[in-house]
Structures are given as C-alpha cells and as structure tokens.
Amino acid sequence: MPFSRLCLLPGFLALALAWPGHVRAQEETPDTEKSEKSEKSEKPLGEFAGVGVVPKLSISRKTVPNFLVDETLAAVHASTGSESETATLEGVFTIGANSSRYAVFWDPLTCRLLGVLDLEPDPVEAPTDEADGDETASAETEIDKGERAEGSEKDVPLDSEPESPPSPFFLLAGGRPPLGGTAGGSGEASFFGVRLIDGKPEFLYEQGSLLIEERLWLENGGETLQQQFTLRDMNSSLVLEIPEAWRQRVTSDRGEWDEGRLTVDKEEAGEVRLTYRLGNEVPTPEGEKSE
C-alpha cells in the first residue's frame, strides 16, 4: 500500500483552494494594490516568513501499514487483532498540511506519537565507478577495472540481496511511554478523545494515574513539529523520555536533558513543549533550549 499525499491527506485539494495565496475573483482595485497582491500570490505554498508560522492542518484517522519496529509496541497491536490485522495500524490519527512534506502519526491505542513519514524522500543515487569530471578516476585502465570486477564477483555471495532504500519513516516510537518515568505514569494508557484548539489537535488520555492533554501541530511551514504536554494537578517533577535517535532533533522550552531523558522541576511540570526538527535546517524558535 504505497503512501502518497492523496491517500494520506485527502483534504489537501480543498485546503489548497482555501489557502490565502489562492487567486480569487475580486473587485477592481488600484494598480499598485493589484501589483502587491500579485507578488504575494506568486509565493509558493510552504514559504513562510519567519519562525512560528503555523500552516492550516489537515487531521484524519487512517488505517496505515504497520511501520513499527519496536517489539513492545508491535506486541500491543498484535494482541488486539488477527495476524492479517497486525499488518496494519487501525484508526491512527494523521496530521499534515498542504505546505508540508511530512505526515505525523499518533496512536490512540498506545496514546503516543508513533512516527513521522517523509512524503517526498530524497532519491537514492546508485553508486558509480567513477565520479563525473574526476580526472584521476578516468585515468584507471580497462585492465584494472576488469581485475576489480572479477574480484568483486568472487567476494559477493550468490544469494546476496541488494540493500533496500532507507525508510521514509523517522521519529519512530520505542521503549516505554514518554511519561512512564513520571510518578504515577507507569500504568496503562486509556484514550478519552480528541479536541481542536485553534485548529490544533489535542489528545486527552490517562497514563497510569496521570491525566494528560497532548497537543501536536506543524510549524515553520511544516518543517518543525510541536508537541505540548499539559498535566493537571502536578505535585511532583516531570520525567519525559524519548528514544535516543530522536535526541539530535528535539529541543524543549524548560527542564534539563540527560541524553534522552528530560527532567522538569515540579514548579514548572504542569506544561512542557518539545520542538522537533523535521527538515535538515530549521531555525530554533525563541525561548527554546537546545539542552
């Protein structure tokens, strides 16, 4: 089941028609005003004027192929259905935007962020024997090439398979729940529902004895992901854990990091926001801490 913008986010066409840059019929205006509006309409979708711009989000529930690699999470889904059903993830929330190349997945069964899909992964280039324009490579003789090819055939097993391209999924969930290390957060998760706050989905659930409101949205033209946890009546410090592979992409607005473990004093533990860098180069919003 291949992923595409059409299968993941079917509301994108309607969203594009409602986007501010879309040309609409207008009354006659002065030439200068027409010129300014024309320049604005020529800007491509996804261009943003600085940090903090939130694109209009598209939120839906989908059945998607099971991309989980964590055995514990996979076991949770395996215990809820037949073998054929475990090949897919049922009822997963998908969050995207017309201006973003990324789709975000949140699971109501385990009540956590499952991962992010790059809808436009960079193409994988096949390795070549010589680099274009490399004079030293072109100086190699045909005899040398033949010897190298003959040796490589002997070294490669007959049953070897070509390497598969890298997965378009990243920020894959793993380990215990993010707030499982917080006092009272070691129990099972129970999903209550979801609501929209200023167009942003906020998931309501219970983790152990913790009542959690988790808000997710894309920002900066869809190049960063914001994740905000709000806990009511907190009287202890907050401990939040993420997989080690996530650490290079994430910053927080408070607390202290120790590798993949964030600790926030109880005075500030009622709310914490994480910012994930999805693209290669994204500016860090004001107030964010890298450590």
C-alpha atoms as a PDB file:
ATOM      1  CA  MET A   1       0.000   0.000   0.000  1.00  0.00           C
ATOM      2  CA  PRO A   2       2.090   2.940  -1.179  1.00  0.00           C
ATOM      3  CA  PHE A   3       1.934   6.218   0.652  1.00  0.00           C
ATOM      4  CA  SER A   4       1.115   9.416  -1.188  1.00  0.00           C
ATOM      5  CA  ARG A   5      -0.327  12.805  -0.461  1.00  0.00           C
ATOM      6  CA  LEU A   6      -3.628  11.634  -1.946  1.00  0.00           C
ATOM      7  CA  CYS A   7      -4.037   8.529   0.220  1.00  0.00           C
ATOM      8  CA  LEU A   8      -2.788  10.109   3.436  1.00  0.00           C
ATOM      9  CA  LEU A   9      -4.331  13.541   3.315  1.00  0.00           C
ATOM     10  CA  PRO A  10      -7.399  13.574   1.031  1.00  0.00           C
ATOM     11  CA  GLY A  11      -8.448  17.012   2.206  1.00  0.00           C
ATOM     12  CA  PHE A  12      -5.450  18.722   0.620  1.00  0.00           C
ATOM     13  CA  LEU A  13      -7.313  19.731  -2.539  1.00  0.00           C
ATOM     14  CA  ALA A  14      -9.959  21.583  -0.567  1.00  0.00           C
ATOM     15  CA  LEU A  15      -7.249  23.045   1.646  1.00  0.00           C
ATOM     16  CA  ALA A  16      -5.376  24.379  -1.381  1.00  0.00           C
ATOM     17  CA  LEU A  17      -8.481  26.154  -2.618  1.00  0.00           C
ATOM     18  CA  ALA A  18      -8.890  27.859   0.741  1.00  0.00           C
ATOM     19  CA  TRP A  19      -5.225  28.845   1.079  1.00  0.00           C
ATOM     20  CA  PRO A  20      -4.541  32.608   1.338  1.00  0.00           C
ATOM     21  CA  GLY A  21      -2.321  32.527  -1.750  1.00  0.00           C
ATOM     22  CA  HIS A  22      -5.099  31.172  -3.968  1.00  0.00           C
ATOM     23  CA  VAL A  23      -6.345  33.653  -6.567  1.00  0.00           C
ATOM     24  CA  ARG A  24      -9.978  34.657  -6.060  1.00  0.00           C
ATOM     25  CA  ALA A  25     -12.315  36.909  -8.044  1.00  0.00           C
ATOM     26  CA  GLN A  26     -12.029  40.439  -6.676  1.00  0.00           C
ATOM     27  CA  GLU A  27     -13.447  43.868  -7.300  1.00  0.00           C
ATOM     28  CA  GLU A  28     -11.423  46.387  -9.260  1.00  0.00           C
ATOM     29  CA  THR A  29      -8.548  47.797  -7.192  1.00  0.00           C
ATOM     30  CA  PRO A  30      -5.807  50.330  -7.900  1.00  0.00           C
ATOM     31  CA  ASP A  31      -2.877  49.089  -9.977  1.00  0.00           C
ATOM     32  CA  THR A  32      -0.431  49.367  -7.056  1.00  0.00           C
ATOM     33  CA  GLU A  33      -2.628  47.213  -4.839  1.00  0.00           C
ATOM     34  CA  LYS A  34      -3.087  44.687  -7.657  1.00  0.00           C
ATOM     35  CA  SER A  35       0.691  44.522  -8.080  1.00  0.00           C
ATOM     36  CA  GLU A  36       1.274  43.860  -4.373  1.00  0.00           C
ATOM     37  CA  LYS A  37      -1.363  41.120  -4.309  1.00  0.00           C
ATOM     38  CA  SER A  38       0.086  39.583  -7.463  1.00  0.00           C
ATOM     39  CA  GLU A  39       3.531  39.369  -5.880  1.00  0.00           C
ATOM     40  CA  LYS A  40       2.077  37.679  -2.802  1.00  0.00           C
ATOM     41  CA  SER A  41       0.152  35.144  -4.883  1.00  0.00           C
ATOM     42  CA  GLU A  42       3.335  34.138  -6.700  1.00  0.00           C
ATOM     43  CA  LYS A  43       4.948  32.877  -3.494  1.00  0.00           C
ATOM     44  CA  PRO A  44       4.981  29.063  -3.459  1.00  0.00           C
ATOM     45  CA  LEU A  45       2.964  27.142  -0.894  1.00  0.00           C
ATOM     46  CA  GLY A  46       5.125  26.313   2.087  1.00  0.00           C
ATOM     47  CA  GLU A  47       7.110  29.555   2.049  1.00  0.00           C
ATOM     48  CA  PHE A  48       6.983  31.120   5.490  1.00  0.00           C
ATOM     49  CA  ALA A  49       8.050  34.484   6.817  1.00  0.00           C
ATOM     50  CA  GLY A  50       9.994  33.517   9.916  1.00  0.00           C
ATOM     51  CA  VAL A  51       9.733  31.234  12.887  1.00  0.00           C
ATOM     52  CA  GLY A  52       6.347  30.365  14.380  1.00  0.00           C
ATOM     53  CA  VAL A  53       4.132  30.277  11.264  1.00  0.00           C
ATOM     54  CA  VAL A  54       1.518  27.542  11.677  1.00  0.00           C
ATOM     55  CA  PRO A  55       0.063  26.146   8.422  1.00  0.00           C
ATOM     56  CA  LYS A  56      -3.556  25.094   8.259  1.00  0.00           C
ATOM     57  CA  LEU A  57      -3.615  21.491   9.434  1.00  0.00           C
ATOM     58  CA  SER A  58      -5.404  18.506   7.950  1.00  0.00           C
ATOM     59  CA  ILE A  59      -6.395  15.899  10.567  1.00  0.00           C
ATOM     60  CA  SER A  60      -7.945  12.499   9.870  1.00  0.00           C
ATOM     61  CA  ARG A  61      -7.989   8.892  11.055  1.00  0.00           C
ATOM     62  CA  LYS A  62      -6.428   6.274   8.817  1.00  0.00           C
ATOM     63  CA  THR A  63      -5.556   2.627   8.538  1.00  0.00           C
ATOM     64  CA  VAL A  64      -1.883   2.546   7.607  1.00  0.00           C
ATOM     65  CA  PRO A  65       0.732  -0.190   7.061  1.00  0.00           C
ATOM     66  CA  ASN A  66       2.378  -1.286  10.292  1.00  0.00           C
ATOM     67  CA  PHE A  67       5.750   0.503  10.243  1.00  0.00           C
ATOM     68  CA  LEU A  68       6.578  -0.164  13.912  1.00  0.00           C
ATOM     69  CA  VAL A  69       9.975  -1.655  14.688  1.00  0.00           C
ATOM     70  CA  ASP A  70       9.714  -1.698  18.488  1.00  0.00           C
ATOM     71  CA  GLU A  71       8.756  -5.205  19.658  1.00  0.00           C
ATOM     72  CA  THR A  72       6.822  -3.979  22.702  1.00  0.00           C
ATOM     73  CA  LEU A  73       4.600  -1.687  20.660  1.00  0.00           C
ATOM     74  CA  ALA A  74       4.194  -4.308  17.960  1.00  0.00           C
ATOM     75  CA  ALA A  75       3.062  -6.793  20.638  1.00  0.00           C
ATOM     76  CA  VAL A  76       0.355  -4.369  21.825  1.00  0.00           C
ATOM     77  CA  HIS A  77      -1.126  -4.179  18.349  1.00  0.00           C
ATOM     78  CA  ALA A  78      -0.680  -7.920  17.795  1.00  0.00           C
ATOM     79  CA  SER A  79      -2.794  -8.637  20.894  1.00  0.00           C
ATOM     80  CA  THR A  80      -5.731  -6.625  19.536  1.00  0.00           C
ATOM     81  CA  GLY A  81      -6.338  -8.406  16.234  1.00  0.00           C
ATOM     82  CA  SER A  82      -5.637 -11.289  13.896  1.00  0.00           C
ATOM     83  CA  GLU A  83      -2.369 -11.832  12.053  1.00  0.00           C
ATOM     84  CA  SER A  84      -3.746 -10.088   8.965  1.00  0.00           C
ATOM     85  CA  GLU A  85      -4.858  -7.078  11.032  1.00  0.00           C
ATOM     86  CA  THR A  86      -1.437  -6.650  12.633  1.00  0.00           C
ATOM     87  CA  ALA A  87      -0.043  -5.856   9.189  1.00  0.00           C
ATOM     88  CA  THR A  88      -1.844  -2.538   9.527  1.00  0.00           C
ATOM     89  CA  LEU A  89      -2.405   0.063  12.248  1.00  0.00           C
ATOM     90  CA  GLU A  90      -6.112   0.762  12.653  1.00  0.00           C
ATOM     91  CA  GLY A  91      -7.594   4.165  13.445  1.00  0.00           C
ATOM     92  CA  VAL A  92      -4.320   6.074  13.640  1.00  0.00           C
ATOM     93  CA  PHE A  93      -4.588   9.868  13.653  1.00  0.00           C
ATOM     94  CA  THR A  94      -2.775  11.522  10.753  1.00  0.00           C
ATOM     95  CA  ILE A  95      -1.729  15.175  10.914  1.00  0.00           C
ATOM     96  CA  GLY A  96      -0.418  17.038   7.894  1.00  0.00           C
ATOM     97  CA  ALA A  97      -0.561  20.299   5.971  1.00  0.00           C
ATOM     98  CA  ASN A  98      -0.726  21.257   2.315  1.00  0.00           C
ATOM     99  CA  SER A  99       2.575  23.123   2.642  1.00  0.00           C
ATOM    100  CA  SER A 100       4.426  20.304   4.419  1.00  0.00           C
ATOM    101  CA  ARG A 101       6.147  17.213   3.060  1.00  0.00           C
ATOM    102  CA  TYR A 102       5.635  15.412   6.379  1.00  0.00           C
ATOM    103  CA  ALA A 103       2.759  13.408   7.862  1.00  0.00           C
ATOM    104  CA  VAL A 104       2.596  12.798  11.615  1.00  0.00           C
ATOM    105  CA  PHE A 105       1.028   9.681  13.163  1.00  0.00           C
ATOM    106  CA  TRP A 106      -0.488   9.462  16.657  1.00  0.00           C
ATOM    107  CA  ASP A 107      -1.849   6.213  18.055  1.00  0.00           C
ATOM    108  CA  PRO A 108      -4.975   6.181  20.291  1.00  0.00           C
ATOM    109  CA  LEU A 109      -4.284   2.591  21.333  1.00  0.00           C
ATOM    110  CA  THR A 110      -0.912   3.291  22.960  1.00  0.00           C
ATOM    111  CA  CYS A 111      -1.579   7.052  23.344  1.00  0.00           C
ATOM    112  CA  ARG A 112       1.681   8.255  21.862  1.00  0.00           C
ATOM    113  CA  LEU A 113       3.407   9.719  18.833  1.00  0.00           C
ATOM    114  CA  LEU A 114       4.238   6.766  16.587  1.00  0.00           C
ATOM    115  CA  GLY A 115       6.374   8.404  13.932  1.00  0.00           C
ATOM    116  CA  VAL A 116       6.682  10.815  11.030  1.00  0.00           C
ATOM    117  CA  LEU A 117       6.565   9.995   7.325  1.00  0.00           C
ATOM    118  CA  ASP A 118       8.525  11.949   4.715  1.00  0.00           C
ATOM    119  CA  LEU A 119       6.169  12.118   1.737  1.00  0.00           C
ATOM    120  CA  GLU A 120       8.961  13.320  -0.558  1.00  0.00           C
ATOM    121  CA  PRO A 121      12.081  11.362   0.469  1.00  0.00           C
ATOM    122  CA  ASP A 122      15.321  12.241  -1.262  1.00  0.00           C
ATOM    123  CA  PRO A 123      16.070   9.853  -4.151  1.00  0.00           C
ATOM    124  CA  VAL A 124      18.751   7.260  -3.531  1.00  0.00           C
ATOM    125  CA  GLU A 125      21.572   7.581  -6.031  1.00  0.00           C
ATOM    126  CA  ALA A 126      23.138   4.399  -7.341  1.00  0.00           C
ATOM    127  CA  PRO A 127      26.891   4.167  -6.693  1.00  0.00           C
ATOM    128  CA  THR A 128      29.120   4.734  -9.710  1.00  0.00           C
ATOM    129  CA  ASP A 129      32.631   3.534 -10.516  1.00  0.00           C
ATOM    130  CA  GLU A 130      33.861   6.984 -11.461  1.00  0.00           C
ATOM    131  CA  ALA A 131      32.864  10.471 -10.435  1.00  0.00           C
ATOM    132  CA  ASP A 132      31.827  12.911 -13.166  1.00  0.00           C
ATOM    133  CA  GLY A 133      34.693  15.181 -14.060  1.00  0.00           C
ATOM    134  CA  ASP A 134      37.194  13.296 -11.894  1.00  0.00           C
ATOM    135  CA  GLU A 135      40.395  13.083 -13.929  1.00  0.00           C
ATOM    136  CA  THR A 136      42.017  10.598 -11.563  1.00  0.00           C
ATOM    137  CA  ALA A 137      39.102   8.206 -11.963  1.00  0.00           C
ATOM    138  CA  SER A 138      39.250   8.410 -15.751  1.00  0.00           C
ATOM    139  CA  ALA A 139      42.947   7.513 -15.622  1.00  0.00           C
ATOM    140  CA  GLU A 140      42.094   3.998 -14.415  1.00  0.00           C
ATOM    141  CA  THR A 141      42.923   1.418 -17.090  1.00  0.00           C
ATOM    142  CA  GLU A 142      40.482  -1.095 -18.502  1.00  0.00           C
ATOM    143  CA  ILE A 143      42.681  -3.881 -17.124  1.00  0.00           C
ATOM    144  CA  ASP A 144      42.369  -2.515 -13.598  1.00  0.00           C
ATOM    145  CA  LYS A 145      38.623  -2.283 -13.990  1.00  0.00           C
ATOM    146  CA  GLY A 146      38.430  -5.887 -15.179  1.00  0.00           C
ATOM    147  CA  GLU A 147      40.513  -7.167 -12.282  1.00  0.00           C
ATOM    148  CA  ARG A 148      38.397  -5.236  -9.787  1.00  0.00           C
ATOM    149  CA  ALA A 149      35.147  -6.534 -11.302  1.00  0.00           C
ATOM    150  CA  GLU A 150      36.448 -10.115 -11.292  1.00  0.00           C
ATOM    151  CA  GLY A 151      37.457  -9.865  -7.649  1.00  0.00           C
ATOM    152  CA  SER A 152      34.144  -8.349  -6.589  1.00  0.00           C
ATOM    153  CA  GLU A 153      32.199 -11.223  -8.167  1.00  0.00           C
ATOM    154  CA  LYS A 154      34.135 -13.706  -6.042  1.00  0.00           C
ATOM    155  CA  ASP A 155      33.542 -11.756  -2.845  1.00  0.00           C
ATOM    156  CA  VAL A 156      29.759 -11.339  -3.189  1.00  0.00           C
ATOM    157  CA  PRO A 157      27.675 -14.388  -2.149  1.00  0.00           C
ATOM    158  CA  LEU A 158      25.367 -15.754  -4.821  1.00  0.00           C
ATOM    159  CA  ASP A 159      22.312 -15.445  -2.541  1.00  0.00           C
ATOM    160  CA  SER A 160      23.026 -11.843  -1.511  1.00  0.00           C
ATOM    161  CA  GLU A 161      20.266  -9.264  -1.966  1.00  0.00           C
ATOM    162  CA  PRO A 162      20.659  -5.590  -2.854  1.00  0.00           C
ATOM    163  CA  GLU A 163      20.345  -3.166   0.042  1.00  0.00           C
ATOM    164  CA  SER A 164      16.860  -1.759   0.491  1.00  0.00           C
ATOM    165  CA  PRO A 165      16.424   2.023   0.334  1.00  0.00           C
ATOM    166  CA  PRO A 166      16.236   3.855   3.660  1.00  0.00           C
ATOM    167  CA  SER A 167      12.814   4.009   5.265  1.00  0.00           C
ATOM    168  CA  PRO A 168      10.854   7.254   4.768  1.00  0.00           C
ATOM    169  CA  PHE A 169       9.695   6.943   8.400  1.00  0.00           C
ATOM    170  CA  PHE A 170      11.597   8.579  11.247  1.00  0.00           C
ATOM    171  CA  LEU A 171      10.991   9.623  14.869  1.00  0.00           C
ATOM    172  CA  LEU A 172       9.755   6.054  15.355  1.00  0.00           C
ATOM    173  CA  ALA A 173       8.317   5.332  18.801  1.00  0.00           C
ATOM    174  CA  GLY A 174      10.118   2.904  21.053  1.00  0.00           C
ATOM    175  CA  GLY A 175      10.533   1.923  24.689  1.00  0.00           C
ATOM    176  CA  ARG A 176       8.131   2.750  27.475  1.00  0.00           C
ATOM    177  CA  PRO A 177       5.644   5.649  27.218  1.00  0.00           C
ATOM    178  CA  PRO A 178       7.203   9.135  27.203  1.00  0.00           C
ATOM    179  CA  LEU A 179       5.827   9.987  30.672  1.00  0.00           C
ATOM    180  CA  GLY A 180       6.266   6.483  32.072  1.00  0.00           C
ATOM    181  CA  GLY A 181       9.123   7.702  34.299  1.00  0.00           C
ATOM    182  CA  THR A 182       6.982  10.371  35.966  1.00  0.00           C
ATOM    183  CA  ALA A 183       5.465   9.496  39.333  1.00  0.00           C
ATOM    184  CA  GLY A 184       2.089   7.888  38.655  1.00  0.00           C
ATOM    185  CA  GLY A 185       2.765   7.329  34.953  1.00  0.00           C
ATOM    186  CA  SER A 186       3.718   3.664  34.942  1.00  0.00           C
ATOM    187  CA  GLY A 187       0.231   2.227  34.308  1.00  0.00           C
ATOM    188  CA  GLU A 188      -1.604   1.501  31.083  1.00  0.00           C
ATOM    189  CA  ALA A 189      -2.834   4.215  28.734  1.00  0.00           C
ATOM    190  CA  SER A 190      -6.526   4.915  28.208  1.00  0.00           C
ATOM    191  CA  PHE A 191      -7.694   7.213  25.405  1.00  0.00           C
ATOM    192  CA  PHE A 192     -10.614   9.578  26.115  1.00  0.00           C
ATOM    193  CA  GLY A 193     -10.902  11.615  22.939  1.00  0.00           C
ATOM    194  CA  VAL A 194      -9.551  14.481  20.866  1.00  0.00           C
ATOM    195  CA  ARG A 195     -10.499  18.139  20.506  1.00  0.00           C
ATOM    196  CA  LEU A 196      -9.331  21.024  18.336  1.00  0.00           C
ATOM    197  CA  ILE A 197      -7.710  24.049  19.981  1.00  0.00           C
ATOM    198  CA  ASP A 198      -7.160  26.839  17.445  1.00  0.00           C
ATOM    199  CA  GLY A 199      -7.085  24.209  14.695  1.00  0.00           C
ATOM    200  CA  LYS A 200      -4.550  22.039  16.552  1.00  0.00           C
ATOM    201  CA  PRO A 201      -5.488  18.523  17.702  1.00  0.00           C
ATOM    202  CA  GLU A 202      -5.253  17.898  21.444  1.00  0.00           C
ATOM    203  CA  PHE A 203      -5.446  14.279  22.576  1.00  0.00           C
ATOM    204  CA  LEU A 204      -6.914  13.514  26.006  1.00  0.00           C
ATOM    205  CA  TYR A 205      -5.866  10.354  27.799  1.00  0.00           C
ATOM    206  CA  GLU A 206      -4.861   8.792  31.084  1.00  0.00           C
ATOM    207  CA  GLN A 207      -1.428   7.252  31.648  1.00  0.00           C
ATOM    208  CA  GLY A 208      -1.448   5.383  34.952  1.00  0.00           C
ATOM    209  CA  SER A 209      -2.884   7.995  37.314  1.00  0.00           C
ATOM    210  CA  LEU A 210      -1.789  10.965  35.165  1.00  0.00           C
ATOM    211  CA  LEU A 211      -4.390  12.972  33.251  1.00  0.00           C
ATOM    212  CA  ILE A 212      -2.644  14.207  30.101  1.00  0.00           C
ATOM    213  CA  GLU A 213      -3.510  16.662  27.352  1.00  0.00           C
ATOM    214  CA  GLU A 214      -1.129  16.244  24.419  1.00  0.00           C
ATOM    215  CA  ARG A 215      -1.242  18.771  21.600  1.00  0.00           C
ATOM    216  CA  LEU A 216       0.512  18.244  18.252  1.00  0.00           C
ATOM    217  CA  TRP A 217       0.935  20.643  15.347  1.00  0.00           C
ATOM    218  CA  LEU A 218       3.270  21.531  12.496  1.00  0.00           C
ATOM    219  CA  GLU A 219       5.023  24.888  12.420  1.00  0.00           C
ATOM    220  CA  ASN A 220       7.503  26.899  10.333  1.00  0.00           C
ATOM    221  CA  GLY A 221       5.870  25.989   7.047  1.00  0.00           C
ATOM    222  CA  GLY A 222       5.618  22.365   8.146  1.00  0.00           C
ATOM    223  CA  GLU A 223       9.342  21.968   8.823  1.00  0.00           C
ATOM    224  CA  THR A 224       9.055  21.556  12.608  1.00  0.00           C
ATOM    225  CA  LEU A 225       6.719  19.566  14.831  1.00  0.00           C
ATOM    226  CA  GLN A 226       5.478  20.929  18.150  1.00  0.00           C
ATOM    227  CA  GLN A 227       4.418  18.560  20.941  1.00  0.00           C
ATOM    228  CA  GLN A 228       2.953  20.041  24.108  1.00  0.00           C
ATOM    229  CA  PHE A 229       2.138  18.042  27.241  1.00  0.00           C
ATOM    230  CA  THR A 230      -0.186  19.519  29.867  1.00  0.00           C
ATOM    231  CA  LEU A 231      -0.701  17.696  33.175  1.00  0.00           C
ATOM    232  CA  ARG A 232      -3.282  18.808  35.714  1.00  0.00           C
ATOM    233  CA  ASP A 233      -2.621  18.971  39.462  1.00  0.00           C
ATOM    234  CA  MET A 234       1.044  18.024  39.214  1.00  0.00           C
ATOM    235  CA  ASN A 235       2.751  17.874  42.607  1.00  0.00           C
ATOM    236  CA  SER A 236       5.998  16.221  41.539  1.00  0.00           C
ATOM    237  CA  SER A 237       8.701  16.693  38.937  1.00  0.00           C
ATOM    238  CA  LEU A 238       8.045  15.600  35.367  1.00  0.00           C
ATOM    239  CA  VAL A 239      10.247  12.996  33.703  1.00  0.00           C
ATOM    240  CA  LEU A 240       9.930  12.606  29.938  1.00  0.00           C
ATOM    241  CA  GLU A 241      11.875  10.045  27.935  1.00  0.00           C
ATOM    242  CA  ILE A 242      12.419   9.839  24.190  1.00  0.00           C
ATOM    243  CA  PRO A 243      14.296   7.303  22.030  1.00  0.00           C
ATOM    244  CA  GLU A 244      17.998   8.062  21.688  1.00  0.00           C
ATOM    245  CA  ALA A 245      17.657   8.521  17.923  1.00  0.00           C
ATOM    246  CA  TRP A 246      15.288  11.461  18.492  1.00  0.00           C
ATOM    247  CA  ARG A 247      17.618  13.493  20.675  1.00  0.00           C
ATOM    248  CA  GLN A 248      19.504  15.281  17.891  1.00  0.00           C
ATOM    249  CA  ARG A 249      16.215  16.614  16.518  1.00  0.00           C
ATOM    250  CA  VAL A 250      14.485  17.819  19.686  1.00  0.00           C
ATOM    251  CA  THR A 251      14.635  20.858  21.985  1.00  0.00           C
ATOM    252  CA  SER A 252      12.474  21.784  24.978  1.00  0.00           C
ATOM    253  CA  ASP A 253      11.196  25.032  26.447  1.00  0.00           C
ATOM    254  CA  ARG A 254      12.158  24.046  30.000  1.00  0.00           C
ATOM    255  CA  GLY A 255      13.888  21.387  32.069  1.00  0.00           C
ATOM    256  CA  GLU A 256      17.287  19.704  31.885  1.00  0.00           C
ATOM    257  CA  TRP A 257      18.319  16.960  29.473  1.00  0.00           C
ATOM    258  CA  ASP A 258      20.402  13.906  30.318  1.00  0.00           C
ATOM    259  CA  GLU A 259      20.755  12.160  26.959  1.00  0.00           C
ATOM    260  CA  GLY A 260      17.170  11.105  26.084  1.00  0.00           C
ATOM    261  CA  ARG A 261      15.717  11.933  29.498  1.00  0.00           C
ATOM    262  CA  LEU A 262      14.177  15.343  30.273  1.00  0.00           C
ATOM    263  CA  THR A 263      13.513  16.359  33.892  1.00  0.00           C
ATOM    264  CA  VAL A 264      11.336  19.362  34.768  1.00  0.00           C
ATOM    265  CA  ASP A 265      11.029  20.660  38.340  1.00  0.00           C
ATOM    266  CA  LYS A 266       7.584  20.358  39.895  1.00  0.00           C
ATOM    267  CA  GLU A 267       7.138  24.155  39.861  1.00  0.00           C
ATOM    268  CA  GLU A 268       7.106  24.031  36.034  1.00  0.00           C
ATOM    269  CA  ALA A 269       5.938  20.449  35.500  1.00  0.00           C
ATOM    270  CA  GLY A 270       2.355  21.334  34.572  1.00  0.00           C
ATOM    271  CA  GLU A 271       3.278  22.022  30.952  1.00  0.00           C
ATOM    272  CA  VAL A 272       6.232  21.316  28.688  1.00  0.00           C
ATOM    273  CA  ARG A 273       6.716  21.792  24.961  1.00  0.00           C
ATOM    274  CA  LEU A 274       9.058  19.874  22.676  1.00  0.00           C
ATOM    275  CA  THR A 275      10.137  21.113  19.242  1.00  0.00           C
ATOM    276  CA  TYR A 276      11.237  18.537  16.669  1.00  0.00           C
ATOM    277  CA  ARG A 277      13.302  19.468  13.634  1.00  0.00           C
ATOM    278  CA  LEU A 278      11.887  17.560  10.670  1.00  0.00           C
ATOM    279  CA  GLY A 279      13.923  19.124   7.871  1.00  0.00           C
ATOM    280  CA  ASN A 280      17.687  19.406   7.629  1.00  0.00           C
ATOM    281  CA  GLU A 281      17.988  23.072   8.577  1.00  0.00           C
ATOM    282  CA  VAL A 282      15.282  24.756  10.633  1.00  0.00           C
ATOM    283  CA  PRO A 283      15.630  27.886  12.804  1.00  0.00           C
ATOM    284  CA  THR A 284      15.114  27.384  16.536  1.00  0.00           C
ATOM    285  CA  PRO A 285      12.140  29.356  17.895  1.00  0.00           C
ATOM    286  CA  GLU A 286      12.798  31.975  20.557  1.00  0.00           C
ATOM    287  CA  GLY A 287      12.697  30.611  24.076  1.00  0.00           C
ATOM    288  CA  GLU A 288      13.658  27.088  23.048  1.00  0.00           C
ATOM    289  CA  LYS A 289      16.580  25.418  24.758  1.00  0.00           C
ATOM    290  CA  SER A 290      18.939  23.124  22.939  1.00  0.00           C
ATOM    291  CA  GLU A 291      19.970  21.499  26.179  1.00  0.00           C
END
